[in-house]
């Protein structure tokens, strides 16, 4: 099922999102991130060494909130699960594409600590 027009519009802009995962003790952990989509899923890019990657490997349920940069009262919340993690050249190319959209340049390779990981988040059907 494709994402709604509203979700795709917010995920296509220079807007930020929060990703909430569950820590091993069950508490939520939330980080602000860049956001993208591939029509069916939201896309978030992170690195292998991050706690959120370990959280998702254990429990793929997540919540993503995207807000419009110039009107934070326009937002969407998407509850779903990470259905795929993509590593390697595709994840690396994706972070460059995001950096181009947000800053007009490729991502600085000096900022990369570990392998890039692209997370595909599919919304729950009962959203």
PDB file of N, CA and C in Angstrom:
ATOM      1  N   UNK A   1       0.846  -1.171   0.000  1.00  0.00           N
ATOM      2  CA  UNK A   1       0.000   0.000   0.000  1.00  0.00           C
ATOM      3  C   UNK A   1       0.895   1.238   0.000  1.00  0.00           C
ATOM      4  N   UNK A   2       0.753   2.129  -0.971  1.00  0.00           N
ATOM      5  CA  UNK A   2       1.586   3.341  -1.018  1.00  0.00           C
ATOM      6  C   UNK A   2       1.291   4.270   0.152  1.00  0.00           C
ATOM      7  N   UNK A   3       2.278   5.076   0.486  1.00  0.00           N
ATOM      8  CA  UNK A   3       2.104   6.105   1.511  1.00  0.00           C
ATOM      9  C   UNK A   3       1.093   7.130   1.017  1.00  0.00           C
ATOM     10  N   UNK A   4       0.424   7.788   1.944  1.00  0.00           N
ATOM     11  CA  UNK A   4      -0.532   8.830   1.554  1.00  0.00           C
ATOM     12  C   UNK A   4       0.207  10.001   0.907  1.00  0.00           C
ATOM     13  N   UNK A   5      -0.530  10.796   0.171  1.00  0.00           N
ATOM     14  CA  UNK A   5       0.029  11.985  -0.474  1.00  0.00           C
ATOM     15  C   UNK A   5       0.627  12.933   0.561  1.00  0.00           C
ATOM     16  N   UNK A   6      -0.044  13.101   1.697  1.00  0.00           N
ATOM     17  CA  UNK A   6       0.450  14.000   2.742  1.00  0.00           C
ATOM     18  C   UNK A   6       1.776  13.507   3.321  1.00  0.00           C
ATOM     19  N   UNK A   7       1.864  12.218   3.593  1.00  0.00           N
ATOM     20  CA  UNK A   7       3.109  11.664   4.132  1.00  0.00           C
ATOM     21  C   UNK A   7       4.230  11.808   3.116  1.00  0.00           C
ATOM     22  N   UNK A   8       3.961  11.476   1.857  1.00  0.00           N
ATOM     23  CA  UNK A   8       5.002  11.590   0.823  1.00  0.00           C
ATOM     24  C   UNK A   8       5.463  13.032   0.668  1.00  0.00           C
ATOM     25  N   UNK A   9       4.531  13.989   0.738  1.00  0.00           N
ATOM     26  CA  UNK A   9       4.896  15.401   0.601  1.00  0.00           C
ATOM     27  C   UNK A   9       5.820  15.831   1.741  1.00  0.00           C
ATOM     28  N   UNK A  10       5.491  15.469   2.964  1.00  0.00           N
ATOM     29  CA  UNK A  10       6.336  15.852   4.100  1.00  0.00           C
ATOM     30  C   UNK A  10       7.678  15.131   4.057  1.00  0.00           C
ATOM     31  N   UNK A  11       7.689  13.872   3.625  1.00  0.00           N
ATOM     32  CA  UNK A  11       8.940  13.096   3.579  1.00  0.00           C
ATOM     33  C   UNK A  11       9.816  13.488   2.398  1.00  0.00           C
ATOM     34  N   UNK A  12       9.283  14.240   1.457  1.00  0.00           N
ATOM     35  CA  UNK A  12      10.052  14.667   0.280  1.00  0.00           C
ATOM     36  C   UNK A  12      10.700  16.026   0.461  1.00  0.00           C
ATOM     37  N   UNK A  13      10.238  16.781   1.419  1.00  0.00           N
ATOM     38  CA  UNK A  13      10.750  18.138   1.620  1.00  0.00           C
ATOM     39  C   UNK A  13      11.998  18.156   2.482  1.00  0.00           C
ATOM     40  N   UNK A  14      12.424  19.365   2.816  1.00  0.00           N
ATOM     41  CA  UNK A  14      13.576  19.533   3.718  1.00  0.00           C
ATOM     42  C   UNK A  14      13.086  19.565   5.158  1.00  0.00           C
ATOM     43  N   UNK A  15      12.255  18.603   5.483  1.00  0.00           N
ATOM     44  CA  UNK A  15      11.654  18.507   6.809  1.00  0.00           C
ATOM     45  C   UNK A  15      12.418  17.497   7.653  1.00  0.00           C
ATOM     46  N   UNK A  16      12.284  17.626   8.942  1.00  0.00           N
ATOM     47  CA  UNK A  16      12.910  16.679   9.856  1.00  0.00           C
ATOM     48  C   UNK A  16      11.864  15.731  10.402  1.00  0.00           C
ATOM     49  N   UNK A  17      12.355  14.623  10.921  1.00  0.00           N
ATOM     50  CA  UNK A  17      11.489  13.607  11.509  1.00  0.00           C
ATOM     51  C   UNK A  17      12.125  13.116  12.798  1.00  0.00           C
ATOM     52  N   UNK A  18      11.300  12.536  13.636  1.00  0.00           N
ATOM     53  CA  UNK A  18      11.829  11.801  14.780  1.00  0.00           C
ATOM     54  C   UNK A  18      11.576  10.325  14.528  1.00  0.00           C
ATOM     55  N   UNK A  19      12.528   9.516  14.953  1.00  0.00           N
ATOM     56  CA  UNK A  19      12.391   8.069  14.924  1.00  0.00           C
ATOM     57  C   UNK A  19      12.404   7.599  16.369  1.00  0.00           C
ATOM     58  N   UNK A  20      11.356   6.892  16.768  1.00  0.00           N
ATOM     59  CA  UNK A  20      11.289   6.341  18.112  1.00  0.00           C
ATOM     60  C   UNK A  20      11.388   4.828  18.033  1.00  0.00           C
ATOM     61  N   UNK A  21      12.362   4.282  18.769  1.00  0.00           N
ATOM     62  CA  UNK A  21      12.560   2.837  18.873  1.00  0.00           C
ATOM     63  C   UNK A  21      12.428   2.457  20.349  1.00  0.00           C
ATOM     64  N   UNK A  22      12.476   1.161  20.607  1.00  0.00           N
ATOM     65  CA  UNK A  22      12.358   0.693  21.982  1.00  0.00           C
ATOM     66  C   UNK A  22      13.691   0.152  22.479  1.00  0.00           C
ATOM     67  N   UNK A  23      14.145   0.688  23.607  1.00  0.00           N
ATOM     68  CA  UNK A  23      15.377   0.224  24.245  1.00  0.00           C
ATOM     69  C   UNK A  23      15.168  -1.182  24.822  1.00  0.00           C
ATOM     70  N   UNK A  24      16.245  -1.886  25.156  1.00  0.00           N
ATOM     71  CA  UNK A  24      16.103  -3.239  25.708  1.00  0.00           C
ATOM     72  C   UNK A  24      15.190  -3.326  26.936  1.00  0.00           C
ATOM     73  N   UNK A  25      15.138  -2.254  27.741  1.00  0.00           N
ATOM     74  CA  UNK A  25      14.277  -2.282  28.931  1.00  0.00           C
ATOM     75  C   UNK A  25      12.844  -1.849  28.635  1.00  0.00           C
ATOM     76  N   UNK A  26      12.534  -1.580  27.357  1.00  0.00           N
ATOM     77  CA  UNK A  26      11.181  -1.211  26.955  1.00  0.00           C
ATOM     78  C   UNK A  26      10.908   0.271  26.883  1.00  0.00           C
ATOM     79  N   UNK A  27      11.820   1.097  27.385  1.00  0.00           N
ATOM     80  CA  UNK A  27      11.634   2.547  27.304  1.00  0.00           C
ATOM     81  C   UNK A  27      11.832   3.024  25.864  1.00  0.00           C
ATOM     82  N   UNK A  28      11.101   4.055  25.460  1.00  0.00           N
ATOM     83  CA  UNK A  28      11.302   4.604  24.123  1.00  0.00           C
ATOM     84  C   UNK A  28      12.559   5.465  24.048  1.00  0.00           C
ATOM     85  N   UNK A  29      13.154   5.492  22.868  1.00  0.00           N
ATOM     86  CA  UNK A  29      14.302   6.360  22.578  1.00  0.00           C
ATOM     87  C   UNK A  29      13.990   7.062  21.262  1.00  0.00           C
ATOM     88  N   UNK A  30      14.150   8.382  21.234  1.00  0.00           N
ATOM     89  CA  UNK A  30      13.767   9.173  20.063  1.00  0.00           C
ATOM     90  C   UNK A  30      14.936  10.017  19.591  1.00  0.00           C
ATOM     91  N   UNK A  31      15.151  10.034  18.282  1.00  0.00           N
ATOM     92  CA  UNK A  31      16.193  10.854  17.676  1.00  0.00           C
ATOM     93  C   UNK A  31      15.600  11.642  16.499  1.00  0.00           C
ATOM     94  N   UNK A  32      16.129  12.850  16.289  1.00  0.00           N
ATOM     95  CA  UNK A  32      15.759  13.668  15.136  1.00  0.00           C
ATOM     96  C   UNK A  32      16.627  13.230  13.961  1.00  0.00           C
ATOM     97  N   UNK A  33      15.987  13.054  12.791  1.00  0.00           N
ATOM     98  CA  UNK A  33      16.694  12.529  11.624  1.00  0.00           C
ATOM     99  C   UNK A  33      16.168  13.174  10.346  1.00  0.00           C
ATOM    100  N   UNK A  34      16.929  12.996   9.266  1.00  0.00           N
ATOM    101  CA  UNK A  34      16.429  13.317   7.932  1.00  0.00           C
ATOM    102  C   UNK A  34      15.437  12.239   7.532  1.00  0.00           C
ATOM    103  N   UNK A  35      14.538  12.581   6.617  1.00  0.00           N
ATOM    104  CA  UNK A  35      13.487  11.646   6.205  1.00  0.00           C
ATOM    105  C   UNK A  35      13.377  11.617   4.682  1.00  0.00           C
ATOM    106  N   UNK A  36      12.950  10.472   4.172  1.00  0.00           N
ATOM    107  CA  UNK A  36      12.762  10.272   2.735  1.00  0.00           C
ATOM    108  C   UNK A  36      11.704   9.179   2.575  1.00  0.00           C
ATOM    109  N   UNK A  37      11.365   8.850   1.353  1.00  0.00           N
ATOM    110  CA  UNK A  37      10.414   7.759   1.106  1.00  0.00           C
ATOM    111  C   UNK A  37      10.687   7.141  -0.259  1.00  0.00           C
ATOM    112  N   UNK A  38      10.155   5.944  -0.454  1.00  0.00           N
ATOM    113  CA  UNK A  38      10.252   5.276  -1.761  1.00  0.00           C
ATOM    114  C   UNK A  38       8.869   4.929  -2.307  1.00  0.00           C
ATOM    115  N   UNK A  39       7.889   5.678  -1.942  1.00  0.00           N
ATOM    116  CA  UNK A  39       6.476   5.547  -2.285  1.00  0.00           C
ATOM    117  C   UNK A  39       5.727   4.629  -1.325  1.00  0.00           C
ATOM    118  N   UNK A  40       6.290   3.453  -1.007  1.00  0.00           N
ATOM    119  CA  UNK A  40       5.626   2.503  -0.123  1.00  0.00           C
ATOM    120  C   UNK A  40       6.090   2.598   1.330  1.00  0.00           C
ATOM    121  N   UNK A  41       7.334   3.014   1.534  1.00  0.00           N
ATOM    122  CA  UNK A  41       7.921   3.031   2.875  1.00  0.00           C
ATOM    123  C   UNK A  41       8.640   4.346   3.134  1.00  0.00           C
ATOM    124  N   UNK A  42       8.712   4.715   4.398  1.00  0.00           N
ATOM    125  CA  UNK A  42       9.569   5.823   4.802  1.00  0.00           C
ATOM    126  C   UNK A  42      10.997   5.313   4.842  1.00  0.00           C
ATOM    127  N   UNK A  43      11.949   6.181   4.555  1.00  0.00           N
ATOM    128  CA  UNK A  43      13.371   5.830   4.556  1.00  0.00           C
ATOM    129  C   UNK A  43      14.109   6.726   5.530  1.00  0.00           C
ATOM    130  N   UNK A  44      14.903   6.095   6.391  1.00  0.00           N
ATOM    131  CA  UNK A  44      15.764   6.815   7.326  1.00  0.00           C
ATOM    132  C   UNK A  44      17.150   6.204   7.233  1.00  0.00           C
ATOM    133  N   UNK A  45      18.163   7.042   7.321  1.00  0.00           N
ATOM    134  CA  UNK A  45      19.536   6.589   7.132  1.00  0.00           C
ATOM    135  C   UNK A  45      20.313   6.826   8.416  1.00  0.00           C
ATOM    136  N   UNK A  46      21.018   5.803   8.866  1.00  0.00           N
ATOM    137  CA  UNK A  46      21.775   5.882  10.108  1.00  0.00           C
ATOM    138  C   UNK A  46      23.082   5.119   9.934  1.00  0.00           C
ATOM    139  N   UNK A  47      23.729   4.781  11.043  1.00  0.00           N
ATOM    140  CA  UNK A  47      24.971   4.011  10.988  1.00  0.00           C
ATOM    141  C   UNK A  47      24.863   2.765  11.858  1.00  0.00           C
ATOM    142  N   UNK A  48      25.616   1.751  11.452  1.00  0.00           N
ATOM    143  CA  UNK A  48      25.585   0.435  12.083  1.00  0.00           C
ATOM    144  C   UNK A  48      25.827   0.473  13.592  1.00  0.00           C
ATOM    145  N   UNK A  49      26.686   1.367  14.065  1.00  0.00           N
ATOM    146  CA  UNK A  49      27.047   1.369  15.483  1.00  0.00           C
ATOM    147  C   UNK A  49      26.007   2.025  16.395  1.00  0.00           C
ATOM    148  N   UNK A  50      24.970   2.591  15.856  1.00  0.00           N
ATOM    149  CA  UNK A  50      23.983   3.327  16.645  1.00  0.00           C
ATOM    150  C   UNK A  50      23.057   2.394  17.429  1.00  0.00           C
ATOM    151  N   UNK A  51      22.645   2.850  18.595  1.00  0.00           N
ATOM    152  CA  UNK A  51      21.730   2.072  19.439  1.00  0.00           C
ATOM    153  C   UNK A  51      20.422   1.778  18.716  1.00  0.00           C
ATOM    154  N   UNK A  52      19.938   2.717  17.918  1.00  0.00           N
ATOM    155  CA  UNK A  52      18.665   2.509  17.232  1.00  0.00           C
ATOM    156  C   UNK A  52      18.714   1.290  16.310  1.00  0.00           C
ATOM    157  N   UNK A  53      19.867   1.016  15.708  1.00  0.00           N
ATOM    158  CA  UNK A  53      20.008  -0.161  14.836  1.00  0.00           C
ATOM    159  C   UNK A  53      19.888  -1.439  15.670  1.00  0.00           C
ATOM    160  N   UNK A  54      20.491  -1.451  16.826  1.00  0.00           N
ATOM    161  CA  UNK A  54      20.365  -2.616  17.721  1.00  0.00           C
ATOM    162  C   UNK A  54      18.922  -2.761  18.216  1.00  0.00           C
ATOM    163  N   UNK A  55      18.291  -1.631  18.544  1.00  0.00           N
ATOM    164  CA  UNK A  55      16.894  -1.681  18.995  1.00  0.00           C
ATOM    165  C   UNK A  55      15.989  -2.281  17.922  1.00  0.00           C
ATOM    166  N   UNK A  56      16.175  -1.854  16.684  1.00  0.00           N
ATOM    167  CA  UNK A  56      15.340  -2.321  15.575  1.00  0.00           C
ATOM    168  C   UNK A  56      15.591  -3.796  15.273  1.00  0.00           C
ATOM    169  N   UNK A  57      16.830  -4.239  15.402  1.00  0.00           N
ATOM    170  CA  UNK A  57      17.129  -5.660  15.177  1.00  0.00           C
ATOM    171  C   UNK A  57      16.380  -6.530  16.186  1.00  0.00           C
ATOM    172  N   UNK A  58      16.202  -6.020  17.395  1.00  0.00           N
ATOM    173  CA  UNK A  58      15.513  -6.754  18.452  1.00  0.00           C
ATOM    174  C   UNK A  58      13.994  -6.601  18.339  1.00  0.00           C
ATOM    175  N   UNK A  59      13.527  -5.401  17.976  1.00  0.00           N
ATOM    176  CA  UNK A  59      12.092  -5.116  17.897  1.00  0.00           C
ATOM    177  C   UNK A  59      11.888  -4.070  16.796  1.00  0.00           C
ATOM    178  N   UNK A  60      11.366  -4.487  15.636  1.00  0.00           N
ATOM    179  CA  UNK A  60      11.278  -3.575  14.496  1.00  0.00           C
ATOM    180  C   UNK A  60      10.161  -2.534  14.564  1.00  0.00           C
ATOM    181  N   UNK A  61       9.362  -2.548  15.626  1.00  0.00           N
ATOM    182  CA  UNK A  61       8.282  -1.564  15.751  1.00  0.00           C
ATOM    183  C   UNK A  61       8.857  -0.175  16.032  1.00  0.00           C
ATOM    184  N   UNK A  62       8.393   0.812  15.270  1.00  0.00           N
ATOM    185  CA  UNK A  62       8.877   2.180  15.413  1.00  0.00           C
ATOM    186  C   UNK A  62       7.722   3.159  15.226  1.00  0.00           C
ATOM    187  N   UNK A  63       7.970   4.386  15.632  1.00  0.00           N
ATOM    188  CA  UNK A  63       7.082   5.496  15.327  1.00  0.00           C
ATOM    189  C   UNK A  63       7.937   6.595  14.709  1.00  0.00           C
ATOM    190  N   UNK A  64       7.420   7.181  13.631  1.00  0.00           N
ATOM    191  CA  UNK A  64       8.092   8.287  12.951  1.00  0.00           C
ATOM    192  C   UNK A  64       7.141   9.475  12.947  1.00  0.00           C
ATOM    193  N   UNK A  65       7.633  10.617  13.355  1.00  0.00           N
ATOM    194  CA  UNK A  65       6.860  11.856  13.298  1.00  0.00           C
ATOM    195  C   UNK A  65       7.615  12.810  12.371  1.00  0.00           C
ATOM    196  N   UNK A  66       6.934  13.330  11.366  1.00  0.00           N
ATOM    197  CA  UNK A  66       7.530  14.269  10.404  1.00  0.00           C
ATOM    198  C   UNK A  66       6.781  15.590  10.527  1.00  0.00           C
ATOM    199  N   UNK A  67       7.529  16.688  10.659  1.00  0.00           N
ATOM    200  CA  UNK A  67       6.871  17.988  10.721  1.00  0.00           C
ATOM    201  C   UNK A  67       7.426  18.894   9.638  1.00  0.00           C
ATOM    202  N   UNK A  68       6.572  19.793   9.178  1.00  0.00           N
ATOM    203  CA  UNK A  68       6.954  20.749   8.141  1.00  0.00           C
ATOM    204  C   UNK A  68       7.878  21.789   8.744  1.00  0.00           C
ATOM    205  N   UNK A  69       9.016  22.033   8.080  1.00  0.00           N
ATOM    206  CA  UNK A  69      10.039  22.914   8.660  1.00  0.00           C
ATOM    207  C   UNK A  69       9.549  24.326   8.931  1.00  0.00           C
ATOM    208  N   UNK A  70       8.653  24.852   8.113  1.00  0.00           N
ATOM    209  CA  UNK A  70       8.206  26.232   8.317  1.00  0.00           C
ATOM    210  C   UNK A  70       6.844  26.319   9.008  1.00  0.00           C
ATOM    211  N   UNK A  71       6.265  25.174   9.382  1.00  0.00           N
ATOM    212  CA  UNK A  71       5.003  25.143  10.112  1.00  0.00           C
ATOM    213  C   UNK A  71       4.949  23.846  10.918  1.00  0.00           C
ATOM    214  N   UNK A  72       5.584  23.830  12.096  1.00  0.00           N
ATOM    215  CA  UNK A  72       5.661  22.582  12.868  1.00  0.00           C
ATOM    216  C   UNK A  72       4.304  22.049  13.327  1.00  0.00           C
ATOM    217  N   UNK A  73       3.240  22.842  13.171  1.00  0.00           N
ATOM    218  CA  UNK A  73       1.912  22.350  13.509  1.00  0.00           C
ATOM    219  C   UNK A  73       1.337  21.473  12.394  1.00  0.00           C
ATOM    220  N   UNK A  74       2.003  21.466  11.246  1.00  0.00           N
ATOM    221  CA  UNK A  74       1.631  20.538  10.170  1.00  0.00           C
ATOM    222  C   UNK A  74       2.581  19.352  10.277  1.00  0.00           C
ATOM    223  N   UNK A  75       2.049  18.235  10.724  1.00  0.00           N
ATOM    224  CA  UNK A  75       2.884  17.052  10.944  1.00  0.00           C
ATOM    225  C   UNK A  75       2.062  15.784  10.741  1.00  0.00           C
ATOM    226  N   UNK A  76       2.773  14.670  10.606  1.00  0.00           N
ATOM    227  CA  UNK A  76       2.138  13.355  10.569  1.00  0.00           C
ATOM    228  C   UNK A  76       2.896  12.435  11.512  1.00  0.00           C
ATOM    229  N   UNK A  77       2.190  11.507  12.110  1.00  0.00           N
ATOM    230  CA  UNK A  77       2.800  10.458  12.911  1.00  0.00           C
ATOM    231  C   UNK A  77       2.512   9.145  12.200  1.00  0.00           C
ATOM    232  N   UNK A  78       3.553   8.357  12.015  1.00  0.00           N
ATOM    233  CA  UNK A  78       3.429   7.073  11.335  1.00  0.00           C
ATOM    234  C   UNK A  78       3.935   5.988  12.276  1.00  0.00           C
ATOM    235  N   UNK A  79       3.064   5.070  12.613  1.00  0.00           N
ATOM    236  CA  UNK A  79       3.461   3.898  13.397  1.00  0.00           C
ATOM    237  C   UNK A  79       3.618   2.739  12.437  1.00  0.00           C
ATOM    238  N   UNK A  80       4.714   2.019  12.587  1.00  0.00           N
ATOM    239  CA  UNK A  80       4.944   0.914  11.673  1.00  0.00           C
ATOM    240  C   UNK A  80       6.091   0.062  12.135  1.00  0.00           C
ATOM    241  N   UNK A  81       6.720  -0.604  11.168  1.00  0.00           N
ATOM    242  CA  UNK A  81       7.875  -1.419  11.512  1.00  0.00           C
ATOM    243  C   UNK A  81       8.905  -1.362  10.405  1.00  0.00           C
ATOM    244  N   UNK A  82      10.138  -1.553  10.809  1.00  0.00           N
ATOM    245  CA  UNK A  82      11.233  -1.602   9.850  1.00  0.00           C
ATOM    246  C   UNK A  82      11.155  -2.968   9.178  1.00  0.00           C
ATOM    247  N   UNK A  83      10.896  -2.953   7.872  1.00  0.00           N
ATOM    248  CA  UNK A  83      10.724  -4.202   7.131  1.00  0.00           C
ATOM    249  C   UNK A  83      11.982  -4.600   6.372  1.00  0.00           C
ATOM    250  N   UNK A  84      12.947  -3.674   6.290  1.00  0.00           N
ATOM    251  CA  UNK A  84      14.194  -3.976   5.586  1.00  0.00           C
ATOM    252  C   UNK A  84      15.277  -3.024   6.064  1.00  0.00           C
ATOM    253  N   UNK A  85      16.478  -3.549   6.210  1.00  0.00           N
ATOM    254  CA  UNK A  85      17.655  -2.727   6.458  1.00  0.00           C
ATOM    255  C   UNK A  85      18.603  -2.965   5.296  1.00  0.00           C
ATOM    256  N   UNK A  86      19.049  -1.883   4.691  1.00  0.00           N
ATOM    257  CA  UNK A  86      19.896  -1.946   3.501  1.00  0.00           C
ATOM    258  C   UNK A  86      21.246  -1.348   3.847  1.00  0.00           C
ATOM    259  N   UNK A  87      22.300  -2.075   3.534  1.00  0.00           N
ATOM    260  CA  UNK A  87      23.661  -1.621   3.809  1.00  0.00           C
ATOM    261  C   UNK A  87      24.418  -1.500   2.490  1.00  0.00           C
ATOM    262  N   UNK A  88      25.658  -1.054   2.590  1.00  0.00           N
ATOM    263  CA  UNK A  88      26.518  -1.014   1.415  1.00  0.00           C
ATOM    264  C   UNK A  88      26.306   0.207   0.545  1.00  0.00           C
ATOM    265  N   UNK A  89      26.628   0.082  -0.750  1.00  0.00           N
ATOM    266  CA  UNK A  89      26.599   1.234  -1.661  1.00  0.00           C
ATOM    267  C   UNK A  89      25.237   1.930  -1.751  1.00  0.00           C
ATOM    268  N   UNK A  90      24.154   1.163  -1.672  1.00  0.00           N
ATOM    269  CA  UNK A  90      22.834   1.788  -1.776  1.00  0.00           C
ATOM    270  C   UNK A  90      22.567   2.711  -0.581  1.00  0.00           C
ATOM    271  N   UNK A  91      22.930   2.274   0.628  1.00  0.00           N
ATOM    272  CA  UNK A  91      22.745   3.116   1.817  1.00  0.00           C
ATOM    273  C   UNK A  91      23.667   4.330   1.757  1.00  0.00           C
ATOM    274  N   UNK A  92      24.888   4.129   1.287  1.00  0.00           N
ATOM    275  CA  UNK A  92      25.847   5.248   1.172  1.00  0.00           C
ATOM    276  C   UNK A  92      25.362   6.268   0.147  1.00  0.00           C
ATOM    277  N   UNK A  93      24.853   5.798  -0.993  1.00  0.00           N
ATOM    278  CA  UNK A  93      24.329   6.712  -2.021  1.00  0.00           C
ATOM    279  C   UNK A  93      23.112   7.478  -1.495  1.00  0.00           C
ATOM    280  N   UNK A  94      22.309   6.818  -0.696  1.00  0.00           N
ATOM    281  CA  UNK A  94      21.111   7.465  -0.161  1.00  0.00           C
ATOM    282  C   UNK A  94      21.465   8.621   0.766  1.00  0.00           C
ATOM    283  N   UNK A  95      22.489   8.461   1.612  1.00  0.00           N
ATOM    284  CA  UNK A  95      22.839   9.555   2.517  1.00  0.00           C
ATOM    285  C   UNK A  95      23.370  10.754   1.729  1.00  0.00           C
ATOM    286  N   UNK A  96      24.056  10.501   0.617  1.00  0.00           N
ATOM    287  CA  UNK A  96      24.486  11.608  -0.249  1.00  0.00           C
ATOM    288  C   UNK A  96      23.283  12.315  -0.869  1.00  0.00           C
ATOM    289  N   UNK A  97      22.293  11.545  -1.307  1.00  0.00           N
ATOM    290  CA  UNK A  97      21.092  12.145  -1.898  1.00  0.00           C
ATOM    291  C   UNK A  97      20.359  12.996  -0.867  1.00  0.00           C
ATOM    292  N   UNK A  98      20.279  12.511   0.368  1.00  0.00           N
ATOM    293  CA  UNK A  98      19.641  13.301   1.434  1.00  0.00           C
ATOM    294  C   UNK A  98      20.425  14.577   1.714  1.00  0.00           C
ATOM    295  N   UNK A  99      21.738  14.459   1.809  1.00  0.00           N
ATOM    296  CA  UNK A  99      22.569  15.639   2.070  1.00  0.00           C
ATOM    297  C   UNK A  99      22.418  16.663   0.948  1.00  0.00           C
ATOM    298  N   UNK A 100      22.309  16.203  -0.288  1.00  0.00           N
ATOM    299  CA  UNK A 100      22.077  17.120  -1.409  1.00  0.00           C
ATOM    300  C   UNK A 100      20.761  17.873  -1.219  1.00  0.00           C
ATOM    301  N   UNK A 101      19.712  17.161  -0.801  1.00  0.00           N
ATOM    302  CA  UNK A 101      18.403  17.791  -0.606  1.00  0.00           C
ATOM    303  C   UNK A 101      18.433  18.773   0.559  1.00  0.00           C
ATOM    304  N   UNK A 102      19.070  18.407   1.668  1.00  0.00           N
ATOM    305  CA  UNK A 102      19.070  19.249   2.862  1.00  0.00           C
ATOM    306  C   UNK A 102      20.117  20.372   2.807  1.00  0.00           C
ATOM    307  N   UNK A 103      21.285  20.100   2.188  1.00  0.00           N
ATOM    308  CA  UNK A 103      22.386  21.071   2.228  1.00  0.00           C
ATOM    309  C   UNK A 103      22.982  21.442   0.876  1.00  0.00           C
ATOM    310  N   UNK A 104      22.585  20.763  -0.204  1.00  0.00           N
ATOM    311  CA  UNK A 104      23.116  21.074  -1.518  1.00  0.00           C
ATOM    312  C   UNK A 104      24.515  20.527  -1.776  1.00  0.00           C
ATOM    313  N   UNK A 105      24.922  19.513  -1.008  1.00  0.00           N
ATOM    314  CA  UNK A 105      26.239  18.890  -1.192  1.00  0.00           C
ATOM    315  C   UNK A 105      26.182  17.450  -0.711  1.00  0.00           C
ATOM    316  N   UNK A 106      27.172  16.640  -1.116  1.00  0.00           N
ATOM    317  CA  UNK A 106      27.252  15.264  -0.641  1.00  0.00           C
ATOM    318  C   UNK A 106      27.548  15.239   0.861  1.00  0.00           C
ATOM    319  N   UNK A 107      27.242  14.115   1.477  1.00  0.00           N
ATOM    320  CA  UNK A 107      27.511  13.910   2.894  1.00  0.00           C
ATOM    321  C   UNK A 107      29.017  13.856   3.114  1.00  0.00           C
ATOM    322  N   UNK A 108      29.490  14.489   4.156  1.00  0.00           N
ATOM    323  CA  UNK A 108      30.919  14.530   4.455  1.00  0.00           C
ATOM    324  C   UNK A 108      31.384  13.147   4.916  1.00  0.00           C
ATOM    325  N   UNK A 109      32.232  12.471   4.143  1.00  0.00           N
ATOM    326  CA  UNK A 109      32.680  11.128   4.535  1.00  0.00           C
ATOM    327  C   UNK A 109      33.428  11.107   5.866  1.00  0.00           C
ATOM    328  N   UNK A 110      33.981  12.224   6.279  1.00  0.00           N
ATOM    329  CA  UNK A 110      34.688  12.279   7.566  1.00  0.00           C
ATOM    330  C   UNK A 110      33.721  12.088   8.736  1.00  0.00           C
ATOM    331  N   UNK A 111      32.423  12.303   8.506  1.00  0.00           N
ATOM    332  CA  UNK A 111      31.427  12.136   9.561  1.00  0.00           C
ATOM    333  C   UNK A 111      30.976  10.683   9.722  1.00  0.00           C
ATOM    334  N   UNK A 112      31.344   9.820   8.795  1.00  0.00           N
ATOM    335  CA  UNK A 112      30.897   8.424   8.838  1.00  0.00           C
ATOM    336  C   UNK A 112      31.818   7.627   9.757  1.00  0.00           C
ATOM    337  N   UNK A 113      31.235   7.049  10.794  1.00  0.00           N
ATOM    338  CA  UNK A 113      31.986   6.282  11.780  1.00  0.00           C
ATOM    339  C   UNK A 113      31.926   4.790  11.459  1.00  0.00           C
ATOM    340  N   UNK A 114      30.762   4.320  11.004  1.00  0.00           N
ATOM    341  CA  UNK A 114      30.587   2.908  10.673  1.00  0.00           C
ATOM    342  C   UNK A 114      29.715   2.803   9.425  1.00  0.00           C
ATOM    343  N   UNK A 115      29.439   1.603   9.010  1.00  0.00           N
ATOM    344  CA  UNK A 115      28.686   1.394   7.769  1.00  0.00           C
ATOM    345  C   UNK A 115      27.318   2.072   7.828  1.00  0.00           C
ATOM    346  N   UNK A 116      26.927   2.723   6.727  1.00  0.00           N
ATOM    347  CA  UNK A 116      25.610   3.345   6.629  1.00  0.00           C
ATOM    348  C   UNK A 116      24.554   2.255   6.541  1.00  0.00           C
ATOM    349  N   UNK A 117      23.389   2.530   7.145  1.00  0.00           N
ATOM    350  CA  UNK A 117      22.261   1.600   7.154  1.00  0.00           C
ATOM    351  C   UNK A 117      21.011   2.377   6.776  1.00  0.00           C
ATOM    352  N   UNK A 118      20.336   1.928   5.739  1.00  0.00           N
ATOM    353  CA  UNK A 118      19.086   2.531   5.279  1.00  0.00           C
ATOM    354  C   UNK A 118      17.930   1.701   5.836  1.00  0.00           C
ATOM    355  N   UNK A 119      17.038   2.351   6.567  1.00  0.00           N
ATOM    356  CA  UNK A 119      15.898   1.684   7.197  1.00  0.00           C
ATOM    357  C   UNK A 119      14.640   1.949   6.383  1.00  0.00           C
ATOM    358  N   UNK A 120      13.929   0.877   6.009  1.00  0.00           N
ATOM    359  CA  UNK A 120      12.646   1.012   5.306  1.00  0.00           C
ATOM    360  C   UNK A 120      11.534   0.745   6.325  1.00  0.00           C
ATOM    361  N   UNK A 121      10.708   1.761   6.570  1.00  0.00           N
ATOM    362  CA  UNK A 121       9.634   1.685   7.559  1.00  0.00           C
ATOM    363  C   UNK A 121       8.295   1.603   6.828  1.00  0.00           C
ATOM    364  N   UNK A 122       7.613   0.491   7.014  1.00  0.00           N
ATOM    365  CA  UNK A 122       6.272   0.321   6.432  1.00  0.00           C
ATOM    366  C   UNK A 122       5.242   0.668   7.493  1.00  0.00           C
ATOM    367  N   UNK A 123       4.335   1.604   7.166  1.00  0.00           N
ATOM    368  CA  UNK A 123       3.281   1.956   8.129  1.00  0.00           C
ATOM    369  C   UNK A 123       2.352   0.773   8.406  1.00  0.00           C
ATOM    370  N   UNK A 124       1.815   0.739   9.618  1.00  0.00           N
ATOM    371  CA  UNK A 124       0.800  -0.256   9.944  1.00  0.00           C
ATOM    372  C   UNK A 124      -0.436   0.026   9.107  1.00  0.00           C
ATOM    373  N   UNK A 125      -1.118  -1.020   8.714  1.00  0.00           N
ATOM    374  CA  UNK A 125      -2.322  -0.878   7.897  1.00  0.00           C
ATOM    375  C   UNK A 125      -3.430  -0.144   8.637  1.00  0.00           C
ATOM    376  N   UNK A 126      -3.464  -0.255   9.956  1.00  0.00           N
ATOM    377  CA  UNK A 126      -4.534   0.381  10.743  1.00  0.00           C
ATOM    378  C   UNK A 126      -4.164   1.782  11.217  1.00  0.00           C
ATOM    379  N   UNK A 127      -3.173   2.388  10.586  1.00  0.00           N
ATOM    380  CA  UNK A 127      -2.700   3.714  10.953  1.00  0.00           C
ATOM    381  C   UNK A 127      -3.806   4.687  11.083  1.00  0.00           C
TER     382      UNK A 127
END
